[in-house]
Amino acid sequence: MLKGTQAMSIFKDTRTLAAKVVEMVDAIMNGKKPVVNDTKTYNNGTGIIPSFLCEPVYGSKDNYKELLIDSGYYTEAQLK
């Protein structure tokens, strides 16, 4: 995107996924049901698996700094 060869991308922040996994494991370890937001989509071949789908974010040259640098995901030097 920064070089102009790609217009956009989808960004899924792995920190968001990790935080959700910790919440789910904590719930299970404390005898509670983990929070899920999808009970219809994910079928692993044995049946529908309740899941938590993290929201993908549209990334472009216009918002990459906010998404990737300001959030601390990458440094500006890492993207050069």
N, C-alpha and C. Protein backbone atom coordinates (compact mmCIF):
# COMPACT_ATOMS: atom_id res chain seq x y z
N MET A 1 0.83 -1.18 0.00
CA MET A 1 0.00 0.00 0.00
C MET A 1 0.88 1.25 0.00
N LEU A 2 1.94 1.23 0.80
CA LEU A 2 2.80 2.40 0.88
C LEU A 2 3.54 2.66 -0.42
N LYS A 3 3.83 1.60 -1.17
CA LYS A 3 4.53 1.73 -2.45
C LYS A 3 3.57 1.97 -3.61
N GLY A 4 2.27 1.93 -3.33
CA GLY A 4 1.29 2.18 -4.38
C GLY A 4 0.94 0.98 -5.23
N THR A 5 1.37 -0.21 -4.83
CA THR A 5 1.09 -1.41 -5.63
C THR A 5 -0.15 -2.17 -5.14
N GLN A 6 -0.71 -1.72 -4.02
CA GLN A 6 -1.89 -2.37 -3.45
C GLN A 6 -2.78 -1.27 -2.87
N ALA A 7 -4.06 -1.32 -3.17
CA ALA A 7 -4.97 -0.26 -2.74
C ALA A 7 -5.41 -0.40 -1.29
N MET A 8 -5.62 -1.62 -0.82
CA MET A 8 -6.13 -1.83 0.53
C MET A 8 -5.83 -3.24 0.99
N SER A 9 -6.08 -3.47 2.27
CA SER A 9 -5.91 -4.81 2.83
C SER A 9 -6.86 -4.93 4.03
N ILE A 10 -7.05 -6.13 4.48
CA ILE A 10 -7.83 -6.37 5.68
C ILE A 10 -6.86 -6.63 6.81
N PHE A 11 -7.06 -5.95 7.92
CA PHE A 11 -6.20 -6.10 9.09
C PHE A 11 -6.98 -6.75 10.20
N LYS A 12 -6.45 -7.85 10.70
CA LYS A 12 -7.02 -8.51 11.88
C LYS A 12 -5.93 -8.47 12.95
N ASP A 13 -6.15 -7.64 13.95
CA ASP A 13 -5.16 -7.43 15.01
C ASP A 13 -5.08 -8.69 15.87
N THR A 14 -3.94 -9.34 15.86
CA THR A 14 -3.78 -10.58 16.62
C THR A 14 -3.84 -10.33 18.13
N ARG A 15 -3.60 -9.09 18.55
CA ARG A 15 -3.73 -8.77 19.98
C ARG A 15 -5.19 -8.88 20.41
N THR A 16 -6.11 -8.51 19.52
CA THR A 16 -7.53 -8.62 19.81
C THR A 16 -7.91 -10.10 19.94
N LEU A 17 -7.42 -10.91 19.02
CA LEU A 17 -7.67 -12.35 19.07
C LEU A 17 -7.10 -12.95 20.35
N ALA A 18 -5.88 -12.59 20.70
CA ALA A 18 -5.25 -13.14 21.91
C ALA A 18 -6.04 -12.77 23.16
N ALA A 19 -6.50 -11.52 23.23
CA ALA A 19 -7.28 -11.09 24.39
C ALA A 19 -8.59 -11.89 24.50
N LYS A 20 -9.21 -12.14 23.36
CA LYS A 20 -10.46 -12.91 23.35
C LYS A 20 -10.20 -14.35 23.79
N VAL A 21 -9.10 -14.94 23.34
CA VAL A 21 -8.74 -16.30 23.74
C VAL A 21 -8.55 -16.37 25.25
N VAL A 22 -7.86 -15.39 25.82
CA VAL A 22 -7.65 -15.36 27.27
C VAL A 22 -9.00 -15.29 27.99
N GLU A 23 -9.91 -14.45 27.52
CA GLU A 23 -11.25 -14.36 28.13
C GLU A 23 -11.97 -15.70 28.06
N MET A 24 -11.89 -16.35 26.91
CA MET A 24 -12.60 -17.62 26.72
C MET A 24 -12.01 -18.72 27.61
N VAL A 25 -10.69 -18.80 27.67
CA VAL A 25 -10.05 -19.80 28.51
C VAL A 25 -10.37 -19.54 29.98
N ASP A 26 -10.35 -18.28 30.39
CA ASP A 26 -10.68 -17.92 31.76
C ASP A 26 -12.11 -18.36 32.10
N ALA A 27 -13.03 -18.12 31.19
CA ALA A 27 -14.42 -18.54 31.41
C ALA A 27 -14.51 -20.05 31.58
N ILE A 28 -13.87 -20.78 30.70
CA ILE A 28 -13.89 -22.25 30.78
C ILE A 28 -13.26 -22.74 32.09
N MET A 29 -12.13 -22.15 32.46
CA MET A 29 -11.44 -22.56 33.68
C MET A 29 -12.27 -22.26 34.94
N ASN A 30 -13.17 -21.29 34.84
CA ASN A 30 -14.02 -20.94 35.97
C ASN A 30 -15.42 -21.53 35.86
N GLY A 31 -15.57 -22.54 35.00
CA GLY A 31 -16.83 -23.25 34.87
C GLY A 31 -17.94 -22.45 34.21
N LYS A 32 -17.58 -21.43 33.46
CA LYS A 32 -18.58 -20.60 32.79
C LYS A 32 -18.53 -20.88 31.29
N LYS A 33 -19.57 -20.47 30.59
CA LYS A 33 -19.60 -20.59 29.13
C LYS A 33 -18.86 -19.40 28.52
N PRO A 34 -17.93 -19.66 27.62
CA PRO A 34 -17.27 -18.53 26.96
C PRO A 34 -18.25 -17.78 26.06
N VAL A 35 -18.03 -16.50 25.93
CA VAL A 35 -18.86 -15.68 25.06
C VAL A 35 -18.50 -15.99 23.61
N VAL A 36 -19.51 -16.27 22.80
CA VAL A 36 -19.33 -16.49 21.36
C VAL A 36 -20.26 -15.52 20.62
N ASN A 37 -19.90 -15.22 19.39
CA ASN A 37 -20.76 -14.34 18.59
C ASN A 37 -21.16 -14.97 17.26
N ASP A 38 -20.83 -16.24 17.09
CA ASP A 38 -21.20 -16.93 15.86
C ASP A 38 -21.51 -18.40 16.17
N THR A 39 -22.73 -18.79 15.90
CA THR A 39 -23.13 -20.19 16.13
C THR A 39 -23.70 -20.80 14.86
N LYS A 40 -23.35 -20.24 13.70
CA LYS A 40 -23.90 -20.74 12.44
C LYS A 40 -22.87 -20.94 11.33
N THR A 41 -21.73 -20.28 11.41
CA THR A 41 -20.84 -20.20 10.25
C THR A 41 -19.77 -21.28 10.19
N TYR A 42 -19.09 -21.54 11.30
CA TYR A 42 -17.88 -22.38 11.26
C TYR A 42 -18.22 -23.85 11.42
N ASN A 43 -18.00 -24.59 10.34
CA ASN A 43 -18.22 -26.04 10.36
C ASN A 43 -16.88 -26.69 10.06
N ASN A 44 -16.34 -27.43 11.02
CA ASN A 44 -15.03 -28.06 10.83
C ASN A 44 -15.13 -29.48 10.27
N GLY A 45 -16.30 -29.85 9.78
CA GLY A 45 -16.48 -31.19 9.23
C GLY A 45 -17.18 -32.12 10.20
N THR A 46 -17.17 -31.78 11.47
CA THR A 46 -17.87 -32.58 12.47
C THR A 46 -19.16 -31.92 12.92
N GLY A 47 -19.33 -30.67 12.51
CA GLY A 47 -20.52 -29.91 12.89
C GLY A 47 -20.19 -28.45 13.09
N ILE A 48 -21.21 -27.69 13.43
CA ILE A 48 -21.03 -26.27 13.67
C ILE A 48 -20.30 -26.05 15.00
N ILE A 49 -19.25 -25.25 14.97
CA ILE A 49 -18.45 -24.97 16.16
C ILE A 49 -18.73 -23.53 16.60
N PRO A 50 -19.26 -23.33 17.81
CA PRO A 50 -19.46 -21.97 18.30
C PRO A 50 -18.12 -21.23 18.31
N SER A 51 -18.13 -20.00 17.83
CA SER A 51 -16.89 -19.26 17.65
C SER A 51 -17.06 -17.80 18.05
N PHE A 52 -15.95 -17.14 18.22
CA PHE A 52 -15.97 -15.68 18.36
C PHE A 52 -15.19 -15.13 17.19
N LEU A 53 -15.88 -14.44 16.30
CA LEU A 53 -15.25 -13.87 15.12
C LEU A 53 -14.86 -12.43 15.40
N CYS A 54 -13.57 -12.15 15.31
CA CYS A 54 -13.08 -10.78 15.51
C CYS A 54 -13.37 -9.97 14.25
N GLU A 55 -13.68 -8.72 14.45
CA GLU A 55 -14.04 -7.83 13.34
C GLU A 55 -12.81 -7.46 12.51
N PRO A 56 -12.81 -7.78 11.22
CA PRO A 56 -11.70 -7.34 10.38
C PRO A 56 -11.82 -5.84 10.11
N VAL A 57 -10.70 -5.19 9.91
CA VAL A 57 -10.67 -3.75 9.69
C VAL A 57 -10.07 -3.46 8.32
N TYR A 58 -10.68 -2.56 7.61
CA TYR A 58 -10.21 -2.13 6.29
C TYR A 58 -8.99 -1.24 6.49
N GLY A 59 -7.89 -1.60 5.86
CA GLY A 59 -6.69 -0.79 5.95
C GLY A 59 -6.30 -0.25 4.59
N SER A 60 -5.87 1.01 4.57
CA SER A 60 -5.44 1.64 3.32
C SER A 60 -4.30 2.61 3.62
N LYS A 61 -3.80 3.23 2.58
CA LYS A 61 -2.74 4.21 2.75
C LYS A 61 -3.22 5.38 3.62
N ASP A 62 -4.53 5.60 3.63
CA ASP A 62 -5.10 6.71 4.39
C ASP A 62 -5.18 6.44 5.90
N ASN A 63 -5.26 5.17 6.30
CA ASN A 63 -5.42 4.90 7.73
C ASN A 63 -4.38 3.93 8.31
N TYR A 64 -3.35 3.60 7.54
CA TYR A 64 -2.39 2.61 8.04
C TYR A 64 -1.66 3.10 9.29
N LYS A 65 -1.38 4.41 9.38
CA LYS A 65 -0.67 4.91 10.56
C LYS A 65 -1.49 4.69 11.83
N GLU A 66 -2.76 5.00 11.76
CA GLU A 66 -3.64 4.81 12.92
C GLU A 66 -3.73 3.33 13.29
N LEU A 67 -3.92 2.47 12.28
CA LEU A 67 -4.07 1.03 12.54
C LEU A 67 -2.79 0.35 13.01
N LEU A 68 -1.69 0.67 12.37
CA LEU A 68 -0.48 -0.11 12.59
C LEU A 68 0.58 0.57 13.45
N ILE A 69 0.76 1.86 13.30
CA ILE A 69 1.82 2.55 14.04
C ILE A 69 1.30 3.13 15.35
N ASP A 70 0.22 3.93 15.27
CA ASP A 70 -0.32 4.56 16.47
C ASP A 70 -0.78 3.53 17.50
N SER A 71 -1.22 2.38 17.02
CA SER A 71 -1.69 1.33 17.93
C SER A 71 -0.53 0.54 18.56
N GLY A 72 0.69 0.76 18.04
CA GLY A 72 1.85 0.05 18.57
C GLY A 72 2.08 -1.32 17.96
N TYR A 73 1.30 -1.66 16.93
CA TYR A 73 1.46 -2.99 16.30
C TYR A 73 2.81 -3.09 15.60
N TYR A 74 3.18 -2.03 14.88
CA TYR A 74 4.48 -1.92 14.23
C TYR A 74 5.07 -0.55 14.52
N THR A 75 6.36 -0.40 14.35
CA THR A 75 6.98 0.92 14.36
C THR A 75 7.02 1.40 12.91
N GLU A 76 7.18 2.69 12.76
CA GLU A 76 7.26 3.24 11.39
C GLU A 76 8.47 2.66 10.66
N ALA A 77 9.56 2.45 11.39
CA ALA A 77 10.77 1.87 10.76
C ALA A 77 10.52 0.47 10.23
N GLN A 78 9.69 -0.30 10.89
CA GLN A 78 9.41 -1.66 10.44
C GLN A 78 8.62 -1.68 9.13
N LEU A 79 7.93 -0.62 8.83
CA LEU A 79 7.12 -0.58 7.61
C LEU A 79 7.84 0.04 6.43
N LYS A 80 9.04 0.47 6.61
CA LYS A 80 9.80 1.10 5.51
C LYS A 80 10.54 0.07 4.71
